Amino acid sequence: MAVRGAPALGAAGAMGVALASVLDDDVPDAARRLVATRPTAVNLAWGVERARAADDPVAEAQRVATEDVERNRAIGAHGAALLDDGARVMTYCNAGSLACVGYGTAVGVIRAAHEAGRRPSVWVPETRPVLQGARLTAWELDRLGIAHRLVADVMAASLMANGEVDCIVVEADRIAANGDVVNKVGTYALAVLAAHHGIPFYVAAPRSQRSADEVTTIAGHRIAPIGTEVDNRAFDVTPAALVTAYVTEEGVERR
């Protein structure tokens, strides 16, 4: 988790292969070891293979990084038009610069709207168990000067019921051919709530199980009894029927 976020993993994989080539290491072996660090990460394998197959891995890795920022800026530009002036946006987990090479996907949409003078404000659920919303998204929004409030995950339903959320913008680790969205666990719950309350649910993205300690421990302090059994699922699937629109570098595609 030192590097996280699908776009960032792809670039990191390409950079790892580039580094191996500069150091005259065994590039195929380095590629295998990089992919093995997180074999379920599709973008990691993609970035590794792209650099490994290139005549100049360093130049190719740099292209991967540059293209990611360009894609994210395009996603932001297209998605910003979906946010009304003063929109109260809820996002989830972290999909800003820290999850990409730069700019961000879901946060990139909010960022582009802010840069265009639309004055969005953001509800930031904490995103248990490892608090990506509290630790990362809130920090990024503060640095960008975007108004935001951190809330407990369990507040999402109440905020929607009170009419305090105008739309939801999330990222995607993967979008299936049928439009289903795989993302941080909890995304499906937000999509169901949004559908119930008639709130647009937008997915911004370029075209498992985890350690039990994430649930039983916070900042090194145990919060559950030793021996407690844990089910810590990293992702869930949001059916395409719950998605209002997909925002990619190519534009907005409504369902």
Protein backbone atom coordinates (compact mmCIF):
# COMPACT_ATOMS: atom_id res chain seq x y z
CA MET A 1 0.00 0.00 0.00
CA ALA A 2 2.99 2.34 -0.25
CA VAL A 3 1.75 2.83 -3.81
CA ARG A 4 -2.03 2.57 -4.26
CA GLY A 5 -4.58 3.55 -6.86
CA ALA A 6 -4.83 1.80 -10.23
CA PRO A 7 -3.22 4.60 -12.31
CA ALA A 8 -0.36 5.04 -9.84
CA LEU A 9 0.30 1.30 -9.79
CA GLY A 10 0.56 1.21 -13.58
CA ALA A 11 3.09 4.03 -13.62
CA ALA A 12 5.03 2.55 -10.71
CA GLY A 13 5.29 -0.79 -12.52
CA ALA A 14 6.63 0.89 -15.65
CA MET A 15 9.10 2.93 -13.59
CA GLY A 16 10.28 -0.22 -11.82
CA VAL A 17 11.12 -1.87 -15.12
CA ALA A 18 12.84 1.33 -16.27
CA LEU A 19 14.95 1.33 -13.11
CA ALA A 20 15.94 -2.29 -13.64
CA SER A 21 17.08 -1.46 -17.17
CA VAL A 22 19.16 1.51 -15.97
CA LEU A 23 20.82 -0.65 -13.30
CA ASP A 24 21.50 -3.43 -15.86
CA ASP A 25 19.41 -5.86 -13.81
CA ASP A 26 17.61 -8.84 -15.28
CA VAL A 27 14.60 -6.97 -16.72
CA PRO A 28 12.32 -10.02 -17.27
CA ASP A 29 13.00 -11.16 -13.72
CA ALA A 30 12.37 -7.67 -12.35
CA ALA A 31 9.09 -7.57 -14.29
CA ARG A 32 7.97 -10.89 -12.78
CA ARG A 33 8.84 -9.74 -9.26
CA LEU A 34 7.02 -6.44 -9.69
CA VAL A 35 3.82 -8.11 -10.87
CA ALA A 36 4.03 -10.64 -8.04
CA THR A 37 3.87 -7.86 -5.43
CA ARG A 38 0.18 -7.36 -6.27
CA PRO A 39 -0.98 -9.91 -8.82
CA THR A 40 -4.63 -8.78 -8.73
CA ALA A 41 -3.70 -5.23 -9.83
CA VAL A 42 -4.42 -5.16 -13.57
CA ASN A 43 -2.82 -1.74 -14.07
CA LEU A 44 0.41 -2.86 -12.41
CA ALA A 45 0.86 -5.74 -14.86
CA TRP A 46 -0.12 -3.45 -17.74
CA GLY A 47 2.51 -0.85 -16.83
CA VAL A 48 5.19 -3.47 -16.30
CA GLU A 49 4.52 -5.15 -19.64
CA ARG A 50 4.37 -1.86 -21.52
CA ALA A 51 7.84 -0.84 -20.31
CA ARG A 52 9.28 -4.36 -20.62
CA ALA A 53 8.24 -4.62 -24.28
CA ALA A 54 9.63 -1.19 -25.21
CA ASP A 55 12.99 -0.61 -26.86
CA ASP A 56 13.57 2.22 -24.36
CA PRO A 57 11.92 1.33 -21.02
CA VAL A 58 12.84 4.69 -19.47
CA ALA A 59 11.19 6.71 -22.24
CA GLU A 60 8.17 4.41 -22.20
CA ALA A 61 7.75 4.76 -18.43
CA GLN A 62 7.87 8.52 -18.81
CA ARG A 63 5.17 8.29 -21.50
CA VAL A 64 2.99 6.20 -19.19
CA ALA A 65 3.25 8.91 -16.52
CA THR A 66 2.61 11.79 -18.93
CA GLU A 67 -0.38 10.08 -20.50
CA ASP A 68 -1.94 9.43 -17.08
CA VAL A 69 -1.92 13.13 -16.21
CA GLU A 70 -3.35 14.01 -19.63
CA ARG A 71 -6.14 11.45 -19.23
CA ASN A 72 -6.98 12.68 -15.76
CA ARG A 73 -7.16 16.30 -16.88
CA ALA A 74 -9.48 15.27 -19.72
CA ILE A 75 -11.68 13.33 -17.29
CA GLY A 76 -11.80 16.36 -15.01
CA ALA A 77 -12.73 18.70 -17.85
CA HIS A 78 -15.58 16.47 -19.04
CA GLY A 79 -16.85 15.72 -15.54
CA ALA A 80 -16.77 19.32 -14.31
CA ALA A 81 -19.69 20.12 -16.59
CA LEU A 82 -21.84 17.67 -14.59
CA LEU A 83 -21.46 19.72 -11.40
CA ASP A 84 -23.73 22.71 -10.94
CA ASP A 85 -22.41 25.89 -9.37
CA GLY A 86 -22.10 25.28 -5.63
CA ALA A 87 -22.74 21.54 -5.97
CA ARG A 88 -22.49 19.50 -2.78
CA VAL A 89 -20.55 16.47 -3.91
CA MET A 90 -19.88 13.23 -2.07
CA THR A 91 -16.84 11.23 -3.11
CA TYR A 92 -15.40 8.05 -1.58
CA CYS A 93 -12.03 6.54 -0.77
CA ASN A 94 -9.26 8.46 -2.56
CA ALA A 95 -8.97 9.18 -6.27
CA GLY A 96 -6.85 12.31 -6.38
CA SER A 97 -3.20 12.95 -7.16
CA LEU A 98 -2.08 10.45 -4.52
CA ALA A 99 -3.80 7.61 -6.38
CA CYS A 100 -2.57 8.68 -9.82
CA VAL A 101 0.52 10.20 -11.36
CA GLY A 102 -1.16 13.56 -10.98
CA TYR A 103 -4.44 15.52 -10.91
CA GLY A 104 -6.82 12.65 -10.08
CA THR A 105 -9.94 10.99 -11.48
CA ALA A 106 -12.96 11.44 -9.17
CA VAL A 107 -11.19 14.20 -7.26
CA GLY A 108 -10.01 15.48 -10.64
CA VAL A 109 -13.65 16.12 -11.62
CA ILE A 110 -14.18 18.14 -8.43
CA ARG A 111 -10.85 19.89 -8.89
CA ALA A 112 -11.67 20.90 -12.45
CA ALA A 113 -15.04 22.28 -11.34
CA HIS A 114 -13.28 24.26 -8.61
CA GLU A 115 -10.74 25.64 -11.08
CA ALA A 116 -13.61 26.66 -13.37
CA GLY A 117 -15.12 28.73 -10.54
CA ARG A 118 -18.09 26.44 -9.84
CA ARG A 119 -17.41 26.45 -6.06
CA PRO A 120 -18.16 22.80 -5.24
CA SER A 121 -18.09 21.58 -1.65
CA VAL A 122 -17.32 18.00 -0.77
CA TRP A 123 -18.60 15.46 1.72
CA VAL A 124 -15.69 13.13 2.53
CA PRO A 125 -16.66 9.81 4.16
CA GLU A 126 -13.78 8.49 6.28
CA THR A 127 -13.63 5.20 4.29
CA ARG A 128 -13.05 2.50 6.87
CA PRO A 129 -11.03 0.46 7.58
CA VAL A 130 -7.83 2.26 6.48
CA LEU A 131 -9.36 5.74 6.27
CA GLN A 132 -8.31 6.81 2.78
CA GLY A 133 -10.97 9.51 2.84
CA ALA A 134 -9.90 10.92 6.19
CA ARG A 135 -6.15 10.60 5.67
CA LEU A 136 -5.79 11.30 1.94
CA THR A 137 -8.80 12.90 0.27
CA ALA A 138 -9.35 15.43 3.05
CA TRP A 139 -5.65 16.34 2.93
CA GLU A 140 -5.72 16.77 -0.86
CA LEU A 141 -8.85 18.92 -0.81
CA ASP A 142 -7.33 21.10 1.89
CA ARG A 143 -4.21 21.62 -0.21
CA LEU A 144 -6.38 22.52 -3.21
CA GLY A 145 -8.46 25.01 -1.22
CA ILE A 146 -11.71 23.12 -1.91
CA ALA A 147 -14.39 23.34 0.80
CA HIS A 148 -15.00 19.96 2.40
CA ARG A 149 -16.25 18.21 5.51
CA LEU A 150 -15.12 14.86 6.85
CA VAL A 151 -17.95 12.58 8.00
CA ALA A 152 -18.27 9.07 9.36
CA ASP A 153 -19.19 6.54 6.69
CA VAL A 154 -22.50 5.83 8.47
CA MET A 155 -23.65 9.45 7.89
CA ALA A 156 -24.02 9.06 4.12
CA ALA A 157 -27.65 7.91 4.23
CA SER A 158 -28.73 10.71 6.58
CA LEU A 159 -27.02 13.37 4.45
CA MET A 160 -28.83 12.13 1.36
CA ALA A 161 -32.17 11.88 3.14
CA ASN A 162 -31.77 15.47 4.35
CA GLY A 163 -31.20 16.70 0.80
CA GLU A 164 -27.60 17.70 1.52
CA VAL A 165 -25.96 15.76 -1.33
CA ASP A 166 -26.40 16.84 -4.96
CA CYS A 167 -24.35 14.09 -6.61
CA ILE A 168 -21.81 11.37 -5.94
CA VAL A 169 -18.55 11.03 -7.87
CA VAL A 170 -16.40 7.93 -7.37
CA GLU A 171 -13.51 6.27 -9.12
CA ALA A 172 -13.28 2.69 -10.38
CA ASP A 173 -10.61 0.05 -10.05
CA ARG A 174 -12.20 -1.66 -13.03
CA ILE A 175 -15.32 -1.25 -15.19
CA ALA A 176 -16.65 -4.48 -16.70
CA ALA A 177 -17.86 -4.73 -20.28
CA ASN A 178 -21.48 -4.69 -19.04
CA GLY A 179 -20.87 -1.46 -17.10
CA ASP A 180 -20.60 -2.96 -13.60
CA VAL A 181 -18.12 -1.05 -11.46
CA VAL A 182 -15.53 -2.65 -9.19
CA ASN A 183 -14.33 -0.22 -6.55
CA LYS A 184 -13.49 0.20 -2.87
CA VAL A 185 -15.91 -1.75 -0.70
CA GLY A 186 -18.75 0.55 0.32
CA THR A 187 -19.21 2.01 -3.16
CA TYR A 188 -22.17 -0.28 -3.81
CA ALA A 189 -23.90 0.93 -0.66
CA LEU A 190 -23.53 4.55 -1.79
CA ALA A 191 -24.92 3.68 -5.21
CA VAL A 192 -27.97 2.00 -3.68
CA LEU A 193 -28.56 5.01 -1.41
CA ALA A 194 -28.15 7.39 -4.33
CA ALA A 195 -30.69 5.47 -6.41
CA HIS A 196 -33.17 5.46 -3.53
CA HIS A 197 -32.83 9.22 -3.04
CA GLY A 198 -32.75 10.13 -6.74
CA ILE A 199 -29.18 11.43 -6.62
CA PRO A 200 -26.87 11.19 -9.69
CA PHE A 201 -24.10 8.63 -9.24
CA TYR A 202 -21.10 9.32 -11.49
CA VAL A 203 -18.09 7.06 -12.09
CA ALA A 204 -14.88 8.79 -13.20
CA ALA A 205 -12.15 6.51 -14.51
CA PRO A 206 -9.84 6.00 -17.51
CA ARG A 207 -10.98 3.58 -20.16
CA SER A 208 -10.18 -9.21 -2.45
CA GLN A 209 -9.36 -9.67 0.79
CA ARG A 210 -6.87 -7.59 2.81
CA SER A 211 -5.01 -7.84 6.14
CA ALA A 212 -7.23 -8.31 9.21
CA ASP A 213 -5.07 -5.74 11.03
CA GLU A 214 -6.69 -2.99 8.96
CA VAL A 215 -9.97 -3.67 10.76
CA THR A 216 -8.71 -4.57 14.24
CA THR A 217 -6.08 -1.84 14.57
CA ILE A 218 -6.00 1.93 14.05
CA ALA A 219 -2.69 3.83 14.16
CA GLY A 220 -1.03 0.91 15.91
CA HIS A 221 -3.71 0.61 18.60
CA ARG A 222 -5.85 -2.51 18.76
CA ILE A 223 -9.59 -1.76 18.82
CA ALA A 224 -10.93 -5.34 18.85
CA PRO A 225 -10.21 -8.30 21.15
CA ILE A 226 -7.31 -10.56 20.19
CA GLY A 227 -8.60 -13.54 18.26
CA THR A 228 -11.57 -11.71 16.74
CA GLU A 229 -12.34 -13.17 13.31
CA VAL A 230 -12.30 -10.56 10.56
CA ASP A 231 -13.78 -10.41 7.06
CA ASN A 232 -11.99 -7.50 5.36
CA ARG A 233 -13.12 -7.27 1.75
CA ALA A 234 -11.26 -4.73 -0.34
CA PHE A 235 -13.74 -4.24 -3.19
CA ASP A 236 -17.39 -4.57 -4.08
CA VAL A 237 -19.34 -4.49 -7.36
CA THR A 238 -21.83 -1.76 -8.23
CA PRO A 239 -24.30 -2.88 -10.93
CA ALA A 240 -24.40 -0.75 -14.06
CA ALA A 241 -28.10 -0.06 -13.46
CA LEU A 242 -27.14 2.15 -10.50
CA VAL A 243 -24.69 4.30 -12.47
CA THR A 244 -25.98 7.61 -13.86
CA ALA A 245 -23.00 8.25 -16.14
CA TYR A 246 -19.40 7.27 -16.77
CA VAL A 247 -16.79 10.00 -17.18
CA THR A 248 -13.70 9.08 -19.20
CA GLU A 249 -11.05 10.99 -21.08
CA GLU A 250 -13.30 10.65 -24.13
CA GLY A 251 -16.35 12.30 -22.60
CA VAL A 252 -19.51 11.55 -20.60
CA GLU A 253 -21.51 8.42 -21.38
CA ARG A 254 -24.94 8.32 -19.75
CA ARG A 255 -26.80 5.12 -19.01
